[in-house]
Amino acid sequence: MSLISPAARDALEAFLSHQRSLKGAAENTVLAYGRDVTEFLSFMTVHSGQSQGLGALARISTQDMRAWMAQTRSGGVGPRSLARKLSAVKSFYKWLAAREGFEPTAVLSTRAPKFTKKLPRPLAEDAARDMIDLVPLQTDKPWVGVRDVAVLTLLWGCGLRISEALSLQAGDAPLPQVMRIVGKGGKERIVPVIDAARSAVDDYIAVCPHMLHPDTPLFRGVRGGPLSPRAIQKVMASARMQLGLPASATPHAMRHSFATHLLNAGGDLRAIQELLGHASLSTTQAYTAVDTVRLMDVYKRAHPKA
């Protein structure tokens, strides 16, 4: 932060503390905000040729914003990443303007670049089953294969994020029929645990060679430390090559598959929103675009005027 004035630096730190404590933002989100806003403030210092105190920040113009966006794009940053950076800057400015009492229109009215929104890429049901069947064959340690099956079954069967599955403690087992999961931003949700997932975790515990004390991670790496997401990503990468699946067949795709397969079975969109822990229904609605053909078929068969 050497290019940033002490006043701007203090304001940024206060903003990040606000996001962390009062907004309940995840630590990764707070770190990303810090990086993005720091880059923005540093650019403005160089662009204007003077230290950007709070007064100077309040006078940033539309032309200044365009210059920052042009410079960022010229550095190889894609439209999706630039939109994320702009969102971070807007969040900071909205907070700063409320605190300092200035009008942040030039920043808040800046439009994000257009980009094609990537839709979730779920696995077909048979592909998800094949993945779980093939994953244990990617290791010469039987207990590791049983562990990986348990993790993937939680992702597909319960819609957990990989971080949520790996944050489970040994004391959470045996898994109940309903779990309380703390997701992004500290948001809690209730998740039903299917019998297959409970059995898969029980099977893993029975063969795990490491001591599983209640307050220690449930899923362990080969050497006994906490299991890393990278290990699951690697085993899925190996299995998907053998199955001829695309690179989109990742741990997160198993979570997407959970939502899409529930939707295929007639699940209610709002119920799926709750199960996934999405704050906005629009996030969950992305899954409807994945299976538009099926939805249109349901519409034509069910709507009285179709």
C-alpha atoms as a PDB file:
ATOM      1  CA  MET A   1       0.000   0.000   0.000  1.00  0.00           C
ATOM      2  CA  SER A   2       3.033   2.316  -0.387  1.00  0.00           C
ATOM      3  CA  LEU A   3       1.301   4.379  -3.127  1.00  0.00           C
ATOM      4  CA  ILE A   4      -1.742   5.018  -0.972  1.00  0.00           C
ATOM      5  CA  SER A   5      -2.040   7.931   1.427  1.00  0.00           C
ATOM      6  CA  PRO A   6      -2.300   7.129   5.140  1.00  0.00           C
ATOM      7  CA  ALA A   7      -5.886   8.447   5.216  1.00  0.00           C
ATOM      8  CA  ALA A   8      -6.945   6.249   2.299  1.00  0.00           C
ATOM      9  CA  ARG A   9      -5.143   3.275   3.804  1.00  0.00           C
ATOM     10  CA  ASP A  10      -6.902   3.749   7.140  1.00  0.00           C
ATOM     11  CA  ALA A  11     -10.249   4.098   5.373  1.00  0.00           C
ATOM     12  CA  LEU A  12      -9.674   0.878   3.454  1.00  0.00           C
ATOM     13  CA  GLU A  13      -8.741  -0.995   6.623  1.00  0.00           C
ATOM     14  CA  ALA A  14     -11.879   0.292   8.334  1.00  0.00           C
ATOM     15  CA  PHE A  15     -13.962  -0.780   5.320  1.00  0.00           C
ATOM     16  CA  LEU A  16     -12.482  -4.280   5.372  1.00  0.00           C
ATOM     17  CA  SER A  17     -13.124  -4.570   9.103  1.00  0.00           C
ATOM     18  CA  HIS A  18     -16.720  -3.514   8.465  1.00  0.00           C
ATOM     19  CA  GLN A  19     -17.105  -6.196   5.786  1.00  0.00           C
ATOM     20  CA  ARG A  20     -15.552  -8.814   8.020  1.00  0.00           C
ATOM     21  CA  SER A  21     -17.357  -8.113  11.290  1.00  0.00           C
ATOM     22  CA  LEU A  22     -20.656  -6.420  10.476  1.00  0.00           C
ATOM     23  CA  LYS A  23     -21.369  -7.799   7.014  1.00  0.00           C
ATOM     24  CA  GLY A  24     -20.091 -11.282   7.835  1.00  0.00           C
ATOM     25  CA  ALA A  25     -18.130 -11.507   4.585  1.00  0.00           C
ATOM     26  CA  ALA A  26     -15.977 -14.593   4.094  1.00  0.00           C
ATOM     27  CA  GLU A  27     -12.247 -14.053   4.614  1.00  0.00           C
ATOM     28  CA  ASN A  28     -11.468 -14.815   0.962  1.00  0.00           C
ATOM     29  CA  THR A  29     -13.977 -12.152  -0.060  1.00  0.00           C
ATOM     30  CA  VAL A  30     -12.413  -9.610   2.301  1.00  0.00           C
ATOM     31  CA  LEU A  31      -8.934 -10.364   0.938  1.00  0.00           C
ATOM     32  CA  ALA A  32     -10.182  -9.979  -2.648  1.00  0.00           C
ATOM     33  CA  TYR A  33     -11.797  -6.635  -1.751  1.00  0.00           C
ATOM     34  CA  GLY A  34      -8.533  -5.493  -0.228  1.00  0.00           C
ATOM     35  CA  ARG A  35      -6.508  -6.411  -3.327  1.00  0.00           C
ATOM     36  CA  ASP A  36      -8.955  -4.877  -5.782  1.00  0.00           C
ATOM     37  CA  VAL A  37      -9.436  -1.590  -3.929  1.00  0.00           C
ATOM     38  CA  THR A  38      -5.702  -1.296  -3.262  1.00  0.00           C
ATOM     39  CA  GLU A  39      -4.998  -1.633  -7.002  1.00  0.00           C
ATOM     40  CA  PHE A  40      -7.630   1.006  -7.733  1.00  0.00           C
ATOM     41  CA  LEU A  41      -6.280   3.492  -5.182  1.00  0.00           C
ATOM     42  CA  SER A  42      -2.719   2.935  -6.362  1.00  0.00           C
ATOM     43  CA  PHE A  43      -3.739   3.601  -9.957  1.00  0.00           C
ATOM     44  CA  MET A  44      -5.509   6.824  -8.987  1.00  0.00           C
ATOM     45  CA  THR A  45      -2.392   8.034  -7.187  1.00  0.00           C
ATOM     46  CA  VAL A  46      -0.251   7.501 -10.290  1.00  0.00           C
ATOM     47  CA  HIS A  47      -2.971   8.729 -12.651  1.00  0.00           C
ATOM     48  CA  SER A  48      -3.438  12.024 -10.820  1.00  0.00           C
ATOM     49  CA  GLY A  49       0.206  12.489  -9.919  1.00  0.00           C
ATOM     50  CA  GLN A  50      -0.609  13.191  -6.292  1.00  0.00           C
ATOM     51  CA  SER A  51      -1.464  11.429  -3.072  1.00  0.00           C
ATOM     52  CA  GLN A  52      -5.108  10.418  -2.932  1.00  0.00           C
ATOM     53  CA  GLY A  53      -6.380  11.681   0.382  1.00  0.00           C
ATOM     54  CA  LEU A  54     -10.057  11.409   1.229  1.00  0.00           C
ATOM     55  CA  GLY A  55     -10.770  14.773  -0.384  1.00  0.00           C
ATOM     56  CA  ALA A  56      -9.184  13.681  -3.660  1.00  0.00           C
ATOM     57  CA  LEU A  57     -11.069  10.388  -3.571  1.00  0.00           C
ATOM     58  CA  ALA A  58     -14.343  12.274  -3.267  1.00  0.00           C
ATOM     59  CA  ARG A  59     -13.516  14.217  -6.465  1.00  0.00           C
ATOM     60  CA  ILE A  60     -12.839  11.224  -8.730  1.00  0.00           C
ATOM     61  CA  SER A  61     -14.571  11.800 -12.062  1.00  0.00           C
ATOM     62  CA  THR A  62     -16.164   9.649 -14.729  1.00  0.00           C
ATOM     63  CA  GLN A  63     -13.071  10.226 -16.882  1.00  0.00           C
ATOM     64  CA  ASP A  64     -10.870   8.932 -14.046  1.00  0.00           C
ATOM     65  CA  MET A  65     -12.994   5.796 -13.835  1.00  0.00           C
ATOM     66  CA  ARG A  66     -12.745   5.233 -17.584  1.00  0.00           C
ATOM     67  CA  ALA A  67      -8.981   5.626 -17.422  1.00  0.00           C
ATOM     68  CA  TRP A  68      -8.757   3.041 -14.632  1.00  0.00           C
ATOM     69  CA  MET A  69     -10.924   0.552 -16.517  1.00  0.00           C
ATOM     70  CA  ALA A  70      -8.956   1.048 -19.745  1.00  0.00           C
ATOM     71  CA  GLN A  71      -5.648   0.576 -17.942  1.00  0.00           C
ATOM     72  CA  THR A  72      -6.933  -2.542 -16.183  1.00  0.00           C
ATOM     73  CA  ARG A  73      -8.192  -4.074 -19.435  1.00  0.00           C
ATOM     74  CA  SER A  74      -4.902  -3.293 -21.190  1.00  0.00           C
ATOM     75  CA  GLY A  75      -3.150  -5.300 -18.478  1.00  0.00           C
ATOM     76  CA  GLY A  76      -4.884  -8.450 -19.670  1.00  0.00           C
ATOM     77  CA  VAL A  77      -7.765  -8.460 -17.181  1.00  0.00           C
ATOM     78  CA  GLY A  78     -10.895  -9.979 -18.726  1.00  0.00           C
ATOM     79  CA  PRO A  79     -14.360  -8.415 -18.563  1.00  0.00           C
ATOM     80  CA  ARG A  80     -15.571 -10.812 -15.861  1.00  0.00           C
ATOM     81  CA  SER A  81     -12.608 -10.029 -13.581  1.00  0.00           C
ATOM     82  CA  LEU A  82     -12.924  -6.299 -14.266  1.00  0.00           C
ATOM     83  CA  ALA A  83     -16.607  -6.437 -13.325  1.00  0.00           C
ATOM     84  CA  ARG A  84     -15.610  -8.076 -10.028  1.00  0.00           C
ATOM     85  CA  LYS A  85     -12.987  -5.389  -9.348  1.00  0.00           C
ATOM     86  CA  LEU A  86     -15.478  -2.640 -10.134  1.00  0.00           C
ATOM     87  CA  SER A  87     -17.977  -4.205  -7.752  1.00  0.00           C
ATOM     88  CA  ALA A  88     -15.370  -4.125  -4.974  1.00  0.00           C
ATOM     89  CA  VAL A  89     -14.555  -0.476  -5.693  1.00  0.00           C
ATOM     90  CA  LYS A  90     -18.251   0.456  -5.692  1.00  0.00           C
ATOM     91  CA  SER A  91     -18.774  -1.292  -2.362  1.00  0.00           C
ATOM     92  CA  PHE A  92     -15.866   0.637  -0.878  1.00  0.00           C
ATOM     93  CA  TYR A  93     -17.102   3.944  -2.281  1.00  0.00           C
ATOM     94  CA  LYS A  94     -20.665   3.429  -1.136  1.00  0.00           C
ATOM     95  CA  TRP A  95     -19.368   2.827   2.384  1.00  0.00           C
ATOM     96  CA  LEU A  96     -16.853   5.704   2.232  1.00  0.00           C
ATOM     97  CA  ALA A  97     -19.387   8.206   0.871  1.00  0.00           C
ATOM     98  CA  ALA A  98     -21.835   7.387   3.638  1.00  0.00           C
ATOM     99  CA  ARG A  99     -19.097   7.879   6.231  1.00  0.00           C
ATOM    100  CA  GLU A 100     -17.536  11.034   4.767  1.00  0.00           C
ATOM    101  CA  GLY A 101     -20.706  12.620   3.378  1.00  0.00           C
ATOM    102  CA  PHE A 102     -19.865  13.065  -0.305  1.00  0.00           C
ATOM    103  CA  GLU A 103     -21.691  12.133  -3.504  1.00  0.00           C
ATOM    104  CA  PRO A 104     -20.151   9.001  -5.140  1.00  0.00           C
ATOM    105  CA  THR A 105     -22.139   9.181  -8.398  1.00  0.00           C
ATOM    106  CA  ALA A 106     -19.116   9.084 -10.729  1.00  0.00           C
ATOM    107  CA  VAL A 107     -18.003   5.763  -9.249  1.00  0.00           C
ATOM    108  CA  LEU A 108     -21.380   4.150  -8.633  1.00  0.00           C
ATOM    109  CA  SER A 109     -22.710   5.039 -12.101  1.00  0.00           C
ATOM    110  CA  THR A 110     -19.768   3.385 -13.872  1.00  0.00           C
ATOM    111  CA  ARG A 111     -21.046   0.466 -15.883  1.00  0.00           C
ATOM    112  CA  ALA A 112     -19.433  -2.926 -15.696  1.00  0.00           C
ATOM    113  CA  PRO A 113     -18.235  -4.438 -18.987  1.00  0.00           C
ATOM    114  CA  LYS A 114     -20.586  -6.910 -20.581  1.00  0.00           C
ATOM    115  CA  PHE A 115     -19.605 -10.554 -20.519  1.00  0.00           C
ATOM    116  CA  THR A 116     -21.267 -13.853 -21.230  1.00  0.00           C
ATOM    117  CA  LYS A 117     -22.407 -15.384 -17.995  1.00  0.00           C
ATOM    118  CA  LYS A 118     -21.145 -18.916 -17.606  1.00  0.00           C
ATOM    119  CA  LEU A 119     -23.896 -21.343 -16.780  1.00  0.00           C
ATOM    120  CA  PRO A 120     -23.333 -24.199 -14.355  1.00  0.00           C
ATOM    121  CA  ARG A 121     -22.048 -27.335 -16.072  1.00  0.00           C
ATOM    122  CA  PRO A 122     -23.560 -30.241 -14.139  1.00  0.00           C
ATOM    123  CA  LEU A 123     -22.799 -33.874 -14.801  1.00  0.00           C
ATOM    124  CA  ALA A 124     -25.519 -36.106 -16.164  1.00  0.00           C
ATOM    125  CA  GLU A 125     -26.861 -38.503 -13.537  1.00  0.00           C
ATOM    126  CA  ASP A 126     -25.098 -41.515 -15.041  1.00  0.00           C
ATOM    127  CA  ALA A 127     -21.846 -39.528 -15.315  1.00  0.00           C
ATOM    128  CA  ALA A 128     -22.061 -38.521 -11.655  1.00  0.00           C
ATOM    129  CA  ARG A 129     -22.568 -42.161 -10.676  1.00  0.00           C
ATOM    130  CA  ASP A 130     -19.688 -43.261 -12.915  1.00  0.00           C
ATOM    131  CA  MET A 131     -17.468 -40.621 -11.340  1.00  0.00           C
ATOM    132  CA  ILE A 132     -18.181 -41.890  -7.828  1.00  0.00           C
ATOM    133  CA  ASP A 133     -17.633 -45.488  -8.962  1.00  0.00           C
ATOM    134  CA  LEU A 134     -14.304 -44.696 -10.624  1.00  0.00           C
ATOM    135  CA  VAL A 135     -12.786 -42.331  -8.049  1.00  0.00           C
ATOM    136  CA  PRO A 136     -11.703 -45.078  -5.599  1.00  0.00           C
ATOM    137  CA  LEU A 137      -9.719 -46.757  -8.381  1.00  0.00           C
ATOM    138  CA  GLN A 138      -7.416 -43.730  -8.667  1.00  0.00           C
ATOM    139  CA  THR A 139      -5.389 -44.690  -5.580  1.00  0.00           C
ATOM    140  CA  ASP A 140      -3.483 -47.706  -4.315  1.00  0.00           C
ATOM    141  CA  LYS A 141      -4.629 -46.953  -0.761  1.00  0.00           C
ATOM    142  CA  PRO A 142      -8.121 -48.427  -0.269  1.00  0.00           C
ATOM    143  CA  TRP A 143      -9.021 -46.098   2.609  1.00  0.00           C
ATOM    144  CA  VAL A 144      -8.250 -43.053   0.450  1.00  0.00           C
ATOM    145  CA  GLY A 145     -10.673 -44.319  -2.176  1.00  0.00           C
ATOM    146  CA  VAL A 146     -13.380 -44.766   0.449  1.00  0.00           C
ATOM    147  CA  ARG A 147     -12.670 -41.227   1.716  1.00  0.00           C
ATOM    148  CA  ASP A 148     -12.979 -39.706  -1.748  1.00  0.00           C
ATOM    149  CA  VAL A 149     -16.276 -41.484  -2.350  1.00  0.00           C
ATOM    150  CA  ALA A 150     -17.593 -40.053   0.924  1.00  0.00           C
ATOM    151  CA  VAL A 151     -16.607 -36.503  -0.035  1.00  0.00           C
ATOM    152  CA  LEU A 152     -18.115 -36.671  -3.520  1.00  0.00           C
ATOM    153  CA  THR A 153     -21.295 -38.255  -2.192  1.00  0.00           C
ATOM    154  CA  LEU A 154     -21.707 -35.287   0.159  1.00  0.00           C
ATOM    155  CA  LEU A 155     -21.253 -32.859  -2.735  1.00  0.00           C
ATOM    156  CA  TRP A 156     -23.714 -34.609  -5.019  1.00  0.00           C
ATOM    157  CA  GLY A 157     -26.139 -35.946  -2.431  1.00  0.00           C
ATOM    158  CA  CYS A 158     -26.327 -32.886  -0.172  1.00  0.00           C
ATOM    159  CA  GLY A 159     -25.271 -29.999  -2.412  1.00  0.00           C
ATOM    160  CA  LEU A 160     -22.325 -29.034  -0.211  1.00  0.00           C
ATOM    161  CA  ARG A 161     -19.499 -26.849  -1.412  1.00  0.00           C
ATOM    162  CA  ILE A 162     -16.136 -28.619  -1.251  1.00  0.00           C
ATOM    163  CA  SER A 163     -15.076 -26.166   1.484  1.00  0.00           C
ATOM    164  CA  GLU A 164     -18.188 -27.040   3.498  1.00  0.00           C
ATOM    165  CA  ALA A 165     -17.608 -30.786   3.210  1.00  0.00           C
ATOM    166  CA  LEU A 166     -13.965 -30.456   4.235  1.00  0.00           C
ATOM    167  CA  SER A 167     -14.838 -28.214   7.189  1.00  0.00           C
ATOM    168  CA  LEU A 168     -16.821 -31.006   8.860  1.00  0.00           C
ATOM    169  CA  GLN A 169     -15.370 -32.123  12.172  1.00  0.00           C
ATOM    170  CA  ALA A 170     -15.003 -35.692  13.350  1.00  0.00           C
ATOM    171  CA  GLY A 171     -17.446 -34.808  16.113  1.00  0.00           C
ATOM    172  CA  ASP A 172     -20.130 -34.232  13.453  1.00  0.00           C
ATOM    173  CA  ALA A 173     -20.152 -37.973  12.731  1.00  0.00           C
ATOM    174  CA  PRO A 174     -22.096 -40.119  12.564  1.00  0.00           C
ATOM    175  CA  LEU A 175     -23.915 -37.623  10.393  1.00  0.00           C
ATOM    176  CA  PRO A 176     -27.507 -36.887  11.410  1.00  0.00           C
ATOM    177  CA  GLN A 177     -30.393 -36.961   8.985  1.00  0.00           C
ATOM    178  CA  VAL A 178     -30.343 -33.160   8.971  1.00  0.00           C
ATOM    179  CA  MET A 179     -27.234 -30.978   9.313  1.00  0.00           C
ATOM    180  CA  ARG A 180     -26.749 -27.287  10.013  1.00  0.00           C
ATOM    181  CA  ILE A 181     -24.153 -25.988   7.554  1.00  0.00           C
ATOM    182  CA  VAL A 182     -22.341 -22.654   7.816  1.00  0.00           C
ATOM    183  CA  GLY A 183     -21.677 -21.461   4.270  1.00  0.00           C
ATOM    184  CA  LYS A 184     -20.413 -18.319   2.561  1.00  0.00           C
ATOM    185  CA  GLY A 185     -20.518 -15.187   4.643  1.00  0.00           C
ATOM    186  CA  GLY A 186     -21.329 -17.177   7.757  1.00  0.00           C
ATOM    187  CA  LYS A 187     -24.854 -17.924   6.493  1.00  0.00           C
ATOM    188  CA  GLU A 188     -26.422 -21.002   8.050  1.00  0.00           C
ATOM    189  CA  ARG A 189     -28.736 -23.416   6.306  1.00  0.00           C
ATOM    190  CA  ILE A 190     -30.365 -26.757   7.063  1.00  0.00           C
ATOM    191  CA  VAL A 191     -29.367 -29.620   4.772  1.00  0.00           C
ATOM    192  CA  PRO A 192     -30.982 -33.081   4.687  1.00  0.00           C
ATOM    193  CA  VAL A 193     -28.370 -35.853   4.562  1.00  0.00           C
ATOM    194  CA  ILE A 194     -29.338 -38.763   2.347  1.00  0.00           C
ATOM    195  CA  ASP A 195     -28.709 -42.302   3.591  1.00  0.00           C
ATOM    196  CA  ALA A 196     -26.076 -42.869   0.891  1.00  0.00           C
ATOM    197  CA  ALA A 197     -24.005 -39.956   2.201  1.00  0.00           C
ATOM    198  CA  ARG A 198     -24.319 -41.045   5.813  1.00  0.00           C
ATOM    199  CA  SER A 199     -23.286 -44.600   4.900  1.00  0.00           C
ATOM    200  CA  ALA A 200     -20.354 -43.375   2.801  1.00  0.00           C
ATOM    201  CA  VAL A 201     -19.043 -41.316   5.723  1.00  0.00           C
ATOM    202  CA  ASP A 202     -19.512 -44.250   8.113  1.00  0.00           C
ATOM    203  CA  ASP A 203     -17.548 -46.476   5.726  1.00  0.00           C
ATOM    204  CA  TYR A 204     -14.744 -43.927   5.608  1.00  0.00           C
ATOM    205  CA  ILE A 205     -14.547 -43.599   9.392  1.00  0.00           C
ATOM    206  CA  ALA A 206     -14.358 -47.379   9.725  1.00  0.00           C
ATOM    207  CA  VAL A 207     -11.205 -47.585   7.572  1.00  0.00           C
ATOM    208  CA  CYS A 208      -9.488 -44.246   8.240  1.00  0.00           C
ATOM    209  CA  PRO A 209      -6.069 -45.030   9.778  1.00  0.00           C
ATOM    210  CA  HIS A 210      -5.804 -41.700  11.607  1.00  0.00           C
ATOM    211  CA  MET A 211      -7.176 -40.780  15.015  1.00  0.00           C
ATOM    212  CA  LEU A 212     -10.380 -38.795  14.586  1.00  0.00           C
ATOM    213  CA  HIS A 213     -10.855 -36.738  17.730  1.00  0.00           C
ATOM    214  CA  PRO A 214     -14.179 -34.858  17.912  1.00  0.00           C
ATOM    215  CA  ASP A 215     -12.654 -31.402  17.468  1.00  0.00           C
ATOM    216  CA  THR A 216     -10.401 -32.353  14.531  1.00  0.00           C
ATOM    217  CA  PRO A 217     -11.176 -32.434  10.780  1.00  0.00           C
ATOM    218  CA  LEU A 218     -13.273 -35.385   9.675  1.00  0.00           C
ATOM    219  CA  PHE A 219     -11.543 -35.830   6.324  1.00  0.00           C
ATOM    220  CA  ARG A 220      -7.795 -36.415   6.430  1.00  0.00           C
ATOM    221  CA  GLY A 221      -4.981 -36.390   3.939  1.00  0.00           C
ATOM    222  CA  VAL A 222      -2.659 -39.352   3.490  1.00  0.00           C
ATOM    223  CA  ARG A 223      -0.313 -38.084   6.217  1.00  0.00           C
ATOM    224  CA  GLY A 224      -3.091 -37.304   8.647  1.00  0.00           C
ATOM    225  CA  GLY A 225      -3.447 -33.570   8.137  1.00  0.00           C
ATOM    226  CA  PRO A 226      -6.659 -31.876   6.966  1.00  0.00           C
ATOM    227  CA  LEU A 227      -7.699 -32.995   3.490  1.00  0.00           C
ATOM    228  CA  SER A 228      -7.123 -30.243   0.918  1.00  0.00           C
ATOM    229  CA  PRO A 229      -9.579 -29.366  -1.866  1.00  0.00           C
ATOM    230  CA  ARG A 230      -6.724 -29.848  -4.320  1.00  0.00           C
ATOM    231  CA  ALA A 231      -6.588 -33.576  -3.522  1.00  0.00           C
ATOM    232  CA  ILE A 232     -10.237 -34.015  -4.510  1.00  0.00           C
ATOM    233  CA  GLN A 233      -9.762 -31.864  -7.603  1.00  0.00           C
ATOM    234  CA  LYS A 234      -6.848 -34.038  -8.698  1.00  0.00           C
ATOM    235  CA  VAL A 235      -8.628 -37.340  -8.223  1.00  0.00           C
ATOM    236  CA  MET A 236     -11.640 -36.057 -10.162  1.00  0.00           C
ATOM    237  CA  ALA A 237      -9.356 -34.819 -12.941  1.00  0.00           C
ATOM    238  CA  SER A 238      -7.855 -38.280 -13.238  1.00  0.00           C
ATOM    239  CA  ALA A 239     -11.256 -39.986 -13.241  1.00  0.00           C
ATOM    240  CA  ARG A 240     -12.841 -37.608 -15.737  1.00  0.00           C
ATOM    241  CA  MET A 241     -10.039 -38.249 -18.251  1.00  0.00           C
ATOM    242  CA  GLN A 242     -10.788 -41.968 -18.066  1.00  0.00           C
ATOM    243  CA  LEU A 243     -14.510 -41.315 -18.447  1.00  0.00           C
ATOM    244  CA  GLY A 244     -14.029 -38.892 -21.329  1.00  0.00           C
ATOM    245  CA  LEU A 245     -15.726 -36.073 -19.413  1.00  0.00           C
ATOM    246  CA  PRO A 246     -14.919 -32.370 -20.012  1.00  0.00           C
ATOM    247  CA  ALA A 247     -12.710 -30.228 -17.786  1.00  0.00           C
ATOM    248  CA  SER A 248     -15.879 -28.784 -16.254  1.00  0.00           C
ATOM    249  CA  ALA A 249     -16.379 -32.073 -14.340  1.00  0.00           C
ATOM    250  CA  THR A 250     -15.014 -30.649 -11.074  1.00  0.00           C
ATOM    251  CA  PRO A 251     -16.013 -30.954  -7.410  1.00  0.00           C
ATOM    252  CA  HIS A 252     -18.181 -27.859  -7.825  1.00  0.00           C
ATOM    253  CA  ALA A 253     -19.905 -29.549 -10.771  1.00  0.00           C
ATOM    254  CA  MET A 254     -21.100 -32.244  -8.356  1.00  0.00           C
ATOM    255  CA  ARG A 255     -22.858 -29.511  -6.350  1.00  0.00           C
ATOM    256  CA  HIS A 256     -24.359 -28.134  -9.553  1.00  0.00           C
ATOM    257  CA  SER A 257     -25.509 -31.655 -10.378  1.00  0.00           C
ATOM    258  CA  PHE A 258     -27.307 -31.869  -7.050  1.00  0.00           C
ATOM    259  CA  ALA A 259     -29.358 -28.792  -7.930  1.00  0.00           C
ATOM    260  CA  THR A 260     -30.047 -29.748 -11.528  1.00  0.00           C
ATOM    261  CA  HIS A 261     -31.058 -33.312 -10.706  1.00  0.00           C
ATOM    262  CA  LEU A 262     -33.442 -32.034  -8.013  1.00  0.00           C
ATOM    263  CA  LEU A 263     -34.891 -29.655 -10.571  1.00  0.00           C
ATOM    264  CA  ASN A 264     -35.255 -32.496 -13.068  1.00  0.00           C
ATOM    265  CA  ALA A 265     -37.208 -34.445 -10.470  1.00  0.00           C
ATOM    266  CA  GLY A 266     -39.632 -31.577 -10.021  1.00  0.00           C
ATOM    267  CA  GLY A 267     -37.988 -29.854  -7.060  1.00  0.00           C
ATOM    268  CA  ASP A 268     -39.208 -26.389  -6.105  1.00  0.00           C
ATOM    269  CA  LEU A 269     -36.771 -23.633  -7.064  1.00  0.00           C
ATOM    270  CA  ARG A 270     -37.068 -21.810  -3.739  1.00  0.00           C
ATOM    271  CA  ALA A 271     -36.516 -25.024  -1.803  1.00  0.00           C
ATOM    272  CA  ILE A 272     -33.396 -25.698  -3.887  1.00  0.00           C
ATOM    273  CA  GLN A 273     -32.259 -22.129  -3.148  1.00  0.00           C
ATOM    274  CA  GLU A 274     -32.461 -22.852   0.562  1.00  0.00           C
ATOM    275  CA  LEU A 275     -30.650 -26.181   0.238  1.00  0.00           C
ATOM    276  CA  LEU A 276     -27.800 -24.598  -1.721  1.00  0.00           C
ATOM    277  CA  GLY A 277     -27.524 -21.593   0.575  1.00  0.00           C
ATOM    278  CA  HIS A 278     -27.901 -19.053  -2.234  1.00  0.00           C
ATOM    279  CA  ALA A 279     -28.685 -15.578  -0.950  1.00  0.00           C
ATOM    280  CA  SER A 280     -30.462 -14.667  -4.174  1.00  0.00           C
ATOM    281  CA  LEU A 281     -33.008 -16.682  -6.089  1.00  0.00           C
ATOM    282  CA  SER A 282     -31.474 -15.373  -9.324  1.00  0.00           C
ATOM    283  CA  THR A 283     -28.347 -17.410  -8.559  1.00  0.00           C
ATOM    284  CA  THR A 284     -30.395 -20.573  -8.298  1.00  0.00           C
ATOM    285  CA  GLN A 285     -32.338 -19.671 -11.435  1.00  0.00           C
ATOM    286  CA  ALA A 286     -29.169 -20.166 -13.457  1.00  0.00           C
ATOM    287  CA  TYR A 287     -29.851 -23.876 -13.139  1.00  0.00           C
ATOM    288  CA  THR A 288     -33.088 -23.501 -15.071  1.00  0.00           C
ATOM    289  CA  ALA A 289     -31.121 -22.348 -18.103  1.00  0.00           C
ATOM    290  CA  VAL A 290     -29.170 -25.601 -18.027  1.00  0.00           C
ATOM    291  CA  ASP A 291     -32.280 -27.652 -18.700  1.00  0.00           C
ATOM    292  CA  THR A 292     -34.484 -25.320 -20.702  1.00  0.00           C
ATOM    293  CA  VAL A 293     -35.700 -28.111 -22.978  1.00  0.00           C
ATOM    294  CA  ARG A 294     -37.088 -30.107 -20.055  1.00  0.00           C
ATOM    295  CA  LEU A 295     -38.680 -27.039 -18.510  1.00  0.00           C
ATOM    296  CA  MET A 296     -40.400 -26.122 -21.763  1.00  0.00           C
ATOM    297  CA  ASP A 297     -41.697 -29.664 -22.064  1.00  0.00           C
ATOM    298  CA  VAL A 298     -43.138 -29.466 -18.537  1.00  0.00           C
ATOM    299  CA  TYR A 299     -44.669 -26.084 -19.367  1.00  0.00           C
ATOM    300  CA  LYS A 300     -46.347 -27.335 -22.533  1.00  0.00           C
ATOM    301  CA  ARG A 301     -47.777 -30.370 -20.772  1.00  0.00           C
ATOM    302  CA  ALA A 302     -48.914 -28.531 -17.646  1.00  0.00           C
ATOM    303  CA  HIS A 303     -50.042 -25.054 -18.697  1.00  0.00           C
ATOM    304  CA  PRO A 304     -53.757 -24.913 -19.512  1.00  0.00           C
ATOM    305  CA  LYS A 305     -53.203 -22.652 -22.501  1.00  0.00           C
ATOM    306  CA  ALA A 306     -50.090 -24.262 -23.881  1.00  0.00           C
END
